[in-house]
Amino acid sequence: MKLVVIGGGPGGYVAAVQAAILGADVTVVEKKYVGGTCLNVGCIPTKALLASSDVLSSVKEASKFGISFEGDVKVDFDAIMKRKNKVVDQLVKGIEFIFEHRGVKLVRGTGKIVNSNEVEVDKEDGSKESIKADKIILATGSVPVAPKFFKYDGKKVITSDEVLNLDKLPKSMIIVGGGPIGCEIGYFLHSMGTEVKIVEMLPHLAPLEDEDVAKQLQRTFKQKKIKYFVGDGISNVEVKDNGVTASLKSGKVLEAETMLIAVGRRAYADGLGLDNVGVKTDEKGRILVDEYLETNVEGIYAIGDLLASAALAHVASREGIVAVQNAVLGKKKKMSYKAVPGCIFVEPEVASVGMKESEAKEKGIDYKIGKFDFRGLGKAQAMGKFQGFVKVITDEKDVIIGAAIVGDRATDMIGELTVACELGLTAEQVGEVIHPHPTLSEGIMEALHDVHNQCVHSVD
């Protein structure tokens, strides 16, 4: 069986390798670089940069732990960016090696659907190649949204694509959007010495999270003197030779050397040839699929940011595996979005999964909350990382329907609650599991016990 995957990002390359493992003859068409946005100008480079800011933070706070340094701590921005590039390059080469090892053919160029069994590629060298396929998976991802209103020019006014490849550290930056991208970039640049001003039009930073989660994040940002403006939007933007001026709807005027637009991404299906075969899309240009991730055209599947599902790398990867099981093995595997974890990698880290408390209220669910503060954890006190909490949400049957963690290593710990949420486990079941001591994961156990007012280390 011949499978063609258009797009080599976290959805496309995972789908390709999975299909090859299952015995398919696989070709991946990629116009830029394998790994897609996530690996090259998204998740991984951002985390590499944040790793540098974490080290800087540890050095600055070393005296609290009885460690002293002589001399000033200096930031070498060029070295930080070179390290980031090295990390990315190594991972890209790793994927290419896996392709070679698994027999996945990589064709560099822009792919277009000719019909349900043929993809035409405009190759890098200017030539064209026609590839026959029994099945096709579309995985071309997304691109940053840059409304004309913000006067995007790629220099003074930039998106996440450009900010992760800066050649020098900006003195100041206005960040439009207080979601994961805005918070992570803002946190990193602030730690490097840039004057950051984050503008979020909704009532709080991390607008997709519950208010108590966002407030914990905002308290820490305030302590670190990271400036943010919530419940306020931008009414006008002026770009000048010496920088950018943004007027807010409240009347405030912000000035900075640069401005980052981090207000979302759109599905990238430009030139994909959807009209050639009649693949249906919604009003936002996102491809419509059924519960098996197949489009209305038999044999053509779509995954990742092309869909209306959460634009997250791990979601795309899972969709890729599900699509392959259906396309290659002929299964009827349904894609589950019951437990999709979301993460913000700042300090404190923010992670959540499943239903938010606000959603439970809107749906009229008879829910319960279990909560435990990091301050009550011996490991958190020993680490000096005691800001944050664990929150678990259960329904009337004690089934875990959602959770949130704010605090150190939250993005790692959310995995346990993701499993619980996906499998429909109860707070009693998971709460009876022995958790290692002393660890931060004990906070999960304590929050689960708190659902039933049986939390030993809480006096509330």
Protein backbone atom coordinates (compact mmCIF):
# COMPACT_ATOMS: atom_id res chain seq x y z
CA MET A 1 0.00 0.00 0.00
CA LYS A 2 1.37 3.38 -1.04
CA LEU A 3 0.83 6.31 1.32
CA VAL A 4 1.75 9.93 0.61
CA VAL A 5 1.93 12.35 3.52
CA ILE A 6 1.99 16.05 2.61
CA GLY A 7 3.74 17.85 5.45
CA GLY A 8 6.55 16.65 7.71
CA GLY A 9 5.59 18.27 11.02
CA PRO A 10 4.76 16.49 14.29
CA GLY A 11 1.59 15.09 12.72
CA GLY A 12 3.01 14.22 9.32
CA TYR A 13 6.33 12.67 10.28
CA VAL A 14 4.78 10.60 13.08
CA ALA A 15 2.11 9.35 10.68
CA ALA A 16 4.77 8.50 8.10
CA VAL A 17 6.95 6.52 10.50
CA GLN A 18 3.95 4.71 11.98
CA ALA A 19 2.78 3.74 8.49
CA ALA A 20 6.25 2.50 7.55
CA ILE A 21 6.37 0.36 10.71
CA LEU A 22 3.06 -1.15 9.61
CA GLY A 23 4.55 -2.07 6.23
CA ALA A 24 3.34 0.73 3.98
CA ASP A 25 5.39 2.27 1.16
CA VAL A 26 5.58 5.85 2.47
CA THR A 27 6.56 9.15 0.87
CA VAL A 28 6.65 12.42 2.78
CA VAL A 29 6.45 15.68 0.85
CA GLU A 30 7.92 18.62 2.80
CA LYS A 31 8.69 22.04 1.36
CA LYS A 32 10.88 23.30 4.22
CA TYR A 33 12.13 21.12 7.03
CA VAL A 34 10.98 18.00 8.81
CA GLY A 35 9.66 18.59 12.29
CA GLY A 36 7.48 21.45 11.10
CA THR A 37 6.67 24.54 13.13
CA CYS A 38 6.92 22.76 16.47
CA LEU A 39 10.49 21.58 16.04
CA ASN A 40 11.89 24.46 14.02
CA VAL A 41 10.07 27.66 15.03
CA GLY A 42 7.81 26.62 17.89
CA CYS A 43 7.80 24.22 20.83
CA ILE A 44 11.38 23.00 20.81
CA PRO A 45 13.31 26.23 20.14
CA THR A 46 11.13 28.01 22.70
CA LYS A 47 11.92 25.37 25.32
CA ALA A 48 15.63 25.55 24.47
CA LEU A 49 15.55 29.30 25.09
CA LEU A 50 13.55 28.88 28.29
CA ALA A 51 16.14 26.36 29.50
CA SER A 52 18.69 29.17 29.33
CA SER A 53 16.45 31.51 31.31
CA ASP A 54 15.91 28.76 33.90
CA VAL A 55 19.68 28.44 34.36
CA LEU A 56 19.97 32.21 34.69
CA SER A 57 17.20 32.23 37.31
CA SER A 58 18.92 29.47 39.28
CA VAL A 59 22.22 31.35 39.26
CA LYS A 60 20.57 34.56 40.43
CA GLU A 61 18.84 32.75 43.30
CA ALA A 62 21.86 30.62 44.24
CA SER A 63 22.58 32.62 47.39
CA LYS A 64 19.25 31.46 48.84
CA PHE A 65 20.64 27.93 48.75
CA GLY A 66 23.99 28.79 50.28
CA ILE A 67 25.84 29.08 46.95
CA SER A 68 27.73 32.28 46.19
CA PHE A 69 29.33 33.59 43.00
CA GLU A 70 31.90 36.30 42.49
CA GLY A 71 31.44 38.80 39.69
CA ASP A 72 28.46 39.69 37.53
CA VAL A 73 26.21 37.19 35.78
CA LYS A 74 26.17 38.00 32.08
CA VAL A 75 23.85 36.97 29.27
CA ASP A 76 25.43 35.92 25.97
CA PHE A 77 22.41 36.12 23.69
CA ASP A 78 24.35 34.97 20.64
CA ALA A 79 25.52 31.84 22.48
CA ILE A 80 21.96 31.16 23.66
CA MET A 81 20.64 31.33 20.10
CA LYS A 82 23.46 29.12 18.82
CA ARG A 83 22.64 26.51 21.46
CA LYS A 84 18.97 26.67 20.46
CA ASN A 85 19.90 26.15 16.81
CA LYS A 86 22.13 23.21 17.72
CA VAL A 87 19.31 21.52 19.65
CA VAL A 88 16.93 22.01 16.71
CA ASP A 89 19.45 20.79 14.13
CA GLN A 90 20.16 17.63 16.12
CA LEU A 91 16.47 16.79 16.39
CA VAL A 92 15.83 17.47 12.68
CA LYS A 93 18.70 15.16 11.76
CA GLY A 94 17.25 12.60 14.16
CA ILE A 95 13.95 12.55 12.27
CA GLU A 96 15.75 12.30 8.93
CA PHE A 97 17.74 9.34 10.29
CA ILE A 98 14.51 7.63 11.41
CA PHE A 99 13.08 8.18 7.92
CA GLU A 100 16.13 6.55 6.39
CA HIS A 101 16.09 3.69 8.89
CA ARG A 102 12.38 3.02 8.33
CA GLY A 103 12.52 3.42 4.55
CA VAL A 104 10.42 6.58 4.40
CA LYS A 105 11.14 8.52 1.21
CA LEU A 106 11.48 12.29 1.69
CA VAL A 107 10.69 14.51 -1.28
CA ARG A 108 11.50 18.17 -0.76
CA GLY A 109 9.05 20.49 -2.42
CA THR A 110 5.46 21.73 -2.36
CA GLY A 111 2.83 19.04 -2.71
CA LYS A 112 -0.54 19.43 -4.41
CA ILE A 113 -3.38 16.95 -4.78
CA VAL A 114 -4.10 16.17 -8.44
CA ASN A 115 -6.70 13.52 -7.71
CA SER A 116 -7.46 11.09 -4.89
CA ASN A 117 -4.60 8.84 -6.03
CA GLU A 118 -1.95 11.32 -7.18
CA VAL A 119 0.15 14.10 -5.68
CA GLU A 120 2.22 16.48 -7.77
CA VAL A 121 5.33 18.02 -6.22
CA ASP A 122 7.02 21.26 -7.25
CA LYS A 123 10.53 20.31 -6.20
CA GLU A 124 13.31 22.54 -4.85
CA ASP A 125 15.29 22.23 -8.08
CA GLY A 126 12.38 23.54 -10.16
CA SER A 127 11.34 20.17 -11.54
CA LYS A 128 8.02 18.41 -10.97
CA GLU A 129 7.38 14.90 -9.70
CA SER A 130 4.16 12.93 -9.79
CA ILE A 131 3.63 10.46 -6.95
CA LYS A 132 0.95 7.77 -7.08
CA ALA A 133 -0.84 6.96 -3.84
CA ASP A 134 -3.46 4.56 -2.55
CA LYS A 135 -4.08 6.87 0.40
CA ILE A 136 -3.13 10.48 1.17
CA ILE A 137 -2.71 12.22 4.54
CA LEU A 138 -2.74 16.01 4.60
CA ALA A 139 -0.59 17.51 7.37
CA THR A 140 0.53 20.96 6.23
CA GLY A 141 -0.03 22.62 9.61
CA SER A 142 -0.62 26.30 10.25
CA VAL A 143 0.95 29.74 10.02
CA PRO A 144 0.80 32.69 12.42
CA VAL A 145 -2.13 35.07 12.09
CA ALA A 146 -0.93 38.60 11.29
CA PRO A 147 -3.91 40.92 10.71
CA LYS A 148 -3.16 43.96 8.53
CA PHE A 149 -4.29 46.16 11.41
CA PHE A 150 -1.04 45.37 13.24
CA LYS A 151 1.10 46.42 10.25
CA TYR A 152 3.21 43.28 10.21
CA ASP A 153 6.49 43.78 8.33
CA GLY A 154 8.65 40.96 9.69
CA LYS A 155 11.12 43.49 11.14
CA LYS A 156 9.59 45.89 13.65
CA VAL A 157 6.32 43.99 13.87
CA ILE A 158 6.96 40.25 13.94
CA THR A 159 5.39 36.85 14.60
CA SER A 160 6.67 33.77 16.41
CA ASP A 161 8.50 32.75 13.21
CA GLU A 162 10.80 35.76 13.43
CA VAL A 163 11.09 36.13 17.21
CA LEU A 164 12.74 32.73 17.53
CA ASN A 165 15.44 33.75 15.09
CA LEU A 166 16.36 37.20 16.42
CA ASP A 167 19.97 38.17 15.75
CA LYS A 168 20.08 40.51 18.74
CA LEU A 169 18.22 40.97 21.99
CA PRO A 170 15.59 43.74 21.71
CA LYS A 171 15.63 46.42 24.40
CA SER A 172 11.84 46.41 24.59
CA MET A 173 8.90 44.54 23.11
CA ILE A 174 5.11 44.81 23.06
CA ILE A 175 3.53 41.35 22.91
CA VAL A 176 -0.02 41.17 21.59
CA GLY A 177 -1.66 38.08 23.05
CA GLY A 178 -1.37 36.56 26.52
CA GLY A 179 -1.71 32.91 25.54
CA PRO A 180 1.05 30.27 25.67
CA ILE A 181 3.22 31.88 22.96
CA GLY A 182 2.92 35.40 24.36
CA CYS A 183 3.60 34.30 27.95
CA GLU A 184 6.54 32.05 27.08
CA ILE A 185 8.28 34.54 24.80
CA GLY A 186 7.54 37.36 27.24
CA TYR A 187 8.92 35.39 30.17
CA PHE A 188 12.11 34.46 28.30
CA LEU A 189 12.84 37.94 26.96
CA HIS A 190 12.14 39.56 30.33
CA SER A 191 14.63 37.22 32.00
CA MET A 192 17.19 38.21 29.37
CA GLY A 193 16.73 41.91 30.16
CA THR A 194 14.16 43.02 27.59
CA GLU A 195 11.41 45.36 28.81
CA VAL A 196 8.27 43.36 28.04
CA LYS A 197 4.66 44.55 27.89
CA ILE A 198 2.02 41.85 27.27
CA VAL A 199 -1.43 42.95 26.07
CA GLU A 200 -4.37 40.55 26.36
CA MET A 201 -7.85 41.70 25.38
CA LEU A 202 -9.59 39.03 27.49
CA PRO A 203 -9.92 39.37 31.30
CA HIS A 204 -6.74 37.45 32.19
CA LEU A 205 -3.53 35.97 30.87
CA ALA A 206 -3.78 32.34 29.73
CA PRO A 207 -7.38 33.05 28.65
CA LEU A 208 -8.16 29.38 27.97
CA GLU A 209 -7.48 28.50 31.61
CA ASP A 210 -9.70 28.94 34.65
CA GLU A 211 -9.49 32.25 36.50
CA ASP A 212 -7.79 30.82 39.61
CA VAL A 213 -5.07 29.28 37.42
CA ALA A 214 -4.53 32.55 35.56
CA LYS A 215 -4.42 34.58 38.76
CA GLN A 216 -1.62 32.42 40.13
CA LEU A 217 0.33 33.00 36.92
CA GLN A 218 -0.34 36.73 37.02
CA ARG A 219 0.78 37.00 40.64
CA THR A 220 4.12 35.49 39.74
CA PHE A 221 4.50 37.70 36.66
CA LYS A 222 3.79 40.71 38.86
CA GLN A 223 6.41 39.60 41.39
CA LYS A 224 8.94 39.22 38.57
CA LYS A 225 7.95 42.67 37.27
CA ILE A 226 6.73 41.39 33.92
CA LYS A 227 4.28 44.04 32.77
CA TYR A 228 0.91 42.94 31.42
CA PHE A 229 -2.36 44.61 30.51
CA VAL A 230 -5.50 42.44 30.59
CA GLY A 231 -9.05 43.25 29.55
CA ASP A 232 -7.60 45.76 27.11
CA GLY A 233 -7.10 45.74 23.37
CA ILE A 234 -5.05 47.66 20.84
CA SER A 235 -6.84 50.41 18.94
CA ASN A 236 -3.97 51.72 16.81
CA VAL A 237 -0.42 50.80 15.79
CA GLU A 238 2.23 53.12 14.44
CA VAL A 239 5.53 51.80 13.05
CA LYS A 240 8.43 54.23 12.96
CA ASP A 241 12.15 53.99 12.29
CA ASN A 242 12.93 53.92 16.01
CA GLY A 243 10.21 51.47 17.05
CA VAL A 244 6.51 50.76 17.48
CA THR A 245 3.78 52.69 19.28
CA ALA A 246 0.58 50.91 20.28
CA SER A 247 -2.46 52.77 21.57
CA LEU A 248 -4.74 50.73 23.81
CA LYS A 249 -8.52 51.02 23.95
CA SER A 250 -8.19 52.18 27.56
CA GLY A 251 -6.19 55.19 26.38
CA LYS A 252 -2.77 53.88 27.48
CA VAL A 253 0.05 54.29 24.98
CA LEU A 254 2.85 51.72 24.82
CA GLU A 255 6.17 52.17 23.05
CA ALA A 256 8.79 49.57 22.26
CA GLU A 257 11.57 48.67 19.88
CA THR A 258 9.53 45.80 18.42
CA MET A 259 6.07 44.25 18.61
CA LEU A 260 5.25 40.55 18.57
CA ILE A 261 1.88 39.39 17.25
CA ALA A 262 0.82 36.24 19.12
CA VAL A 263 -2.93 36.16 18.54
CA GLY A 264 -3.24 32.72 16.99
CA ARG A 265 -2.59 30.64 13.90
CA ARG A 266 -4.58 29.66 10.81
CA ALA A 267 -4.73 26.40 8.92
CA TYR A 268 -2.29 26.41 6.00
CA ALA A 269 -3.95 24.76 3.00
CA ASP A 270 -2.75 27.29 0.42
CA GLY A 271 -2.02 25.62 -2.91
CA LEU A 272 -2.83 22.18 -1.54
CA GLY A 273 -5.27 21.45 -4.37
CA LEU A 274 -8.32 20.79 -2.21
CA ASP A 275 -10.62 22.11 -4.93
CA ASN A 276 -9.19 19.62 -7.43
CA VAL A 277 -10.92 16.77 -5.59
CA GLY A 278 -13.62 18.67 -3.69
CA VAL A 279 -12.28 18.34 -0.13
CA LYS A 280 -14.66 20.29 2.10
CA THR A 281 -13.56 23.01 4.52
CA ASP A 282 -15.29 25.18 7.11
CA GLU A 283 -15.68 28.98 7.11
CA LYS A 284 -12.16 29.37 8.51
CA GLY A 285 -10.54 27.21 5.85
CA ARG A 286 -10.07 24.23 8.16
CA ILE A 287 -10.56 20.80 6.61
CA LEU A 288 -13.64 18.87 7.65
CA VAL A 289 -13.12 15.24 8.65
CA ASP A 290 -15.20 12.50 10.20
CA GLU A 291 -14.45 10.79 13.53
CA TYR A 292 -11.92 8.60 11.72
CA LEU A 293 -10.07 11.67 10.36
CA GLU A 294 -11.08 10.96 6.76
CA THR A 295 -12.29 13.84 4.59
CA ASN A 296 -15.40 13.68 2.46
CA VAL A 297 -13.15 12.30 -0.31
CA GLU A 298 -12.50 8.59 0.23
CA GLY A 299 -8.85 7.78 0.86
CA ILE A 300 -7.83 11.33 1.79
CA TYR A 301 -7.25 12.04 5.47
CA ALA A 302 -6.29 15.26 7.29
CA ILE A 303 -4.63 15.86 10.64
CA GLY A 304 -3.06 18.52 12.85
CA ASP A 305 -3.58 22.24 12.57
CA LEU A 306 -5.54 21.78 9.33
CA LEU A 307 -8.45 20.68 11.54
CA ALA A 308 -10.61 22.49 14.09
CA SER A 309 -9.04 20.46 16.91
CA ALA A 310 -6.56 22.00 19.36
CA ALA A 311 -3.50 23.28 17.48
CA LEU A 312 -1.00 21.34 19.58
CA ALA A 313 1.89 19.15 18.45
CA HIS A 314 0.87 16.21 20.63
CA VAL A 315 -2.67 16.33 19.27
CA ALA A 316 -1.34 16.28 15.70
CA SER A 317 0.91 13.31 16.50
CA ARG A 318 -1.97 11.32 17.95
CA GLU A 319 -4.18 12.22 14.99
CA GLY A 320 -1.41 11.00 12.70
CA ILE A 321 -1.34 7.61 14.40
CA VAL A 322 -5.13 7.28 14.32
CA ALA A 323 -5.29 8.29 10.65
CA VAL A 324 -2.64 5.71 9.74
CA GLN A 325 -4.42 2.93 11.61
CA ASN A 326 -7.51 3.69 9.56
CA ALA A 327 -5.81 4.38 6.22
CA VAL A 328 -3.23 1.58 6.28
CA LEU A 329 -4.86 -1.11 8.41
CA GLY A 330 -8.45 -0.37 7.43
CA LYS A 331 -9.53 0.03 11.05
CA LYS A 332 -12.36 2.22 12.29
CA LYS A 333 -10.35 3.90 15.02
CA LYS A 334 -12.01 7.00 16.44
CA MET A 335 -9.97 10.04 17.49
CA SER A 336 -10.59 10.91 21.14
CA TYR A 337 -10.32 14.50 22.35
CA LYS A 338 -11.59 13.69 25.83
CA ALA A 339 -8.28 14.40 27.54
CA VAL A 340 -6.11 16.91 25.66
CA PRO A 341 -3.38 18.38 27.89
CA GLY A 342 -2.35 21.98 27.39
CA CYS A 343 0.85 23.50 28.77
CA ILE A 344 2.50 26.88 29.29
CA PHE A 345 6.23 26.61 30.03
CA VAL A 346 6.90 29.63 32.22
CA GLU A 347 7.55 29.97 35.93
CA PRO A 348 5.34 28.74 37.43
CA GLU A 349 4.46 26.19 34.76
CA VAL A 350 0.78 25.86 33.86
CA ALA A 351 -0.83 22.62 32.71
CA SER A 352 -4.42 21.50 32.41
CA VAL A 353 -6.46 18.69 30.88
CA GLY A 354 -10.07 17.87 30.21
CA MET A 355 -12.91 20.09 31.31
CA LYS A 356 -12.33 23.44 32.96
CA GLU A 357 -14.32 24.40 36.06
CA SER A 358 -15.94 27.20 34.07
CA GLU A 359 -17.12 24.64 31.48
CA ALA A 360 -18.55 22.38 34.17
CA LYS A 361 -20.55 25.33 35.52
CA GLU A 362 -21.85 26.24 32.06
CA LYS A 363 -22.95 22.66 31.41
CA GLY A 364 -24.71 22.40 34.75
CA ILE A 365 -22.60 19.46 35.91
CA ASP A 366 -22.82 18.59 39.60
CA TYR A 367 -19.07 18.73 40.08
CA LYS A 368 -16.64 18.69 43.00
CA ILE A 369 -13.25 20.30 43.37
CA GLY A 370 -10.20 18.92 45.12
CA LYS A 371 -7.32 21.33 45.61
CA PHE A 372 -3.91 21.30 47.26
CA ASP A 373 -1.37 24.08 47.56
CA PHE A 374 2.31 23.46 46.73
CA ARG A 375 3.24 25.13 50.01
CA GLY A 376 2.10 22.02 51.81
CA LEU A 377 4.60 19.80 49.99
CA GLY A 378 7.92 19.02 51.66
CA LYS A 379 9.65 18.66 48.28
CA ALA A 380 8.38 22.06 47.13
CA GLN A 381 9.65 23.71 50.31
CA ALA A 382 13.04 21.98 49.96
CA MET A 383 13.31 23.15 46.35
CA GLY A 384 12.14 26.67 47.14
CA LYS A 385 9.44 26.21 44.48
CA PHE A 386 6.27 26.44 46.54
CA GLN A 387 4.07 28.73 44.42
CA GLY A 388 1.16 26.94 42.84
CA PHE A 389 -1.48 24.28 43.37
CA VAL A 390 -3.12 21.16 41.99
CA LYS A 391 -6.84 21.21 41.17
CA VAL A 392 -8.93 18.17 40.29
CA ILE A 393 -12.50 18.30 38.99
CA THR A 394 -14.86 15.33 39.34
CA ASP A 395 -18.44 14.71 38.31
CA GLU A 396 -21.31 13.36 40.42
CA LYS A 397 -19.94 9.81 40.02
CA ASP A 398 -16.48 10.84 41.28
CA VAL A 399 -15.03 10.45 37.76
CA ILE A 400 -12.14 12.79 37.02
CA ILE A 401 -13.32 15.08 34.21
CA GLY A 402 -10.62 17.75 34.37
CA ALA A 403 -7.56 18.99 36.21
CA ALA A 404 -5.09 21.85 36.38
CA ILE A 405 -1.65 22.24 37.90
CA VAL A 406 0.21 25.51 38.41
CA GLY A 407 3.74 25.15 39.72
CA ASP A 408 7.16 23.69 39.12
CA ARG A 409 7.13 20.63 36.80
CA ALA A 410 3.38 20.95 36.24
CA THR A 411 3.81 20.11 32.55
CA ASP A 412 5.40 16.76 33.46
CA MET A 413 2.94 15.88 36.22
CA ILE A 414 -0.20 16.54 34.15
CA GLY A 415 0.43 13.21 32.42
CA GLU A 416 -0.92 11.23 35.36
CA LEU A 417 -4.17 13.17 35.37
CA THR A 418 -4.41 12.97 31.58
CA VAL A 419 -4.43 9.17 31.83
CA ALA A 420 -7.04 9.32 34.60
CA CYS A 421 -9.24 11.69 32.62
CA GLU A 422 -9.00 9.69 29.38
CA LEU A 423 -9.75 6.35 31.06
CA GLY A 424 -12.57 7.72 33.21
CA LEU A 425 -10.94 6.84 36.52
CA THR A 426 -12.35 8.15 39.78
CA ALA A 427 -10.70 10.37 42.36
CA GLU A 428 -10.98 7.50 44.84
CA GLN A 429 -9.21 5.06 42.50
CA VAL A 430 -6.26 7.31 41.68
CA GLY A 431 -6.12 8.72 45.20
CA GLU A 432 -5.54 5.23 46.59
CA VAL A 433 -2.38 4.82 44.52
CA ILE A 434 0.82 5.22 46.57
CA HIS A 435 2.74 8.29 45.41
CA PRO A 436 6.48 8.54 46.10
CA HIS A 437 7.68 10.81 48.88
CA PRO A 438 9.05 13.43 48.86
CA THR A 439 7.88 14.52 45.40
CA LEU A 440 5.76 17.22 43.85
CA SER A 441 3.44 14.53 42.50
CA GLU A 442 2.16 14.06 46.04
CA GLY A 443 0.21 17.24 45.39
CA ILE A 444 -1.94 15.26 42.96
CA MET A 445 -2.68 12.63 45.60
CA GLU A 446 -3.52 15.32 48.17
CA ALA A 447 -5.89 17.10 45.76
CA LEU A 448 -7.62 13.80 44.99
CA HIS A 449 -8.09 13.19 48.71
CA ASP A 450 -9.42 16.73 49.07
CA VAL A 451 -12.29 15.90 46.71
CA HIS A 452 -13.70 13.84 49.59
CA ASN A 453 -12.52 16.21 52.36
CA GLN A 454 -9.92 13.65 53.42
CA CYS A 455 -6.74 15.59 52.76
CA VAL A 456 -4.31 14.95 55.63
CA HIS A 457 -2.02 17.92 55.04
CA SER A 458 -4.69 20.61 54.64
CA VAL A 459 -6.53 22.51 57.36
CA ASP A 460 -9.20 24.01 55.08
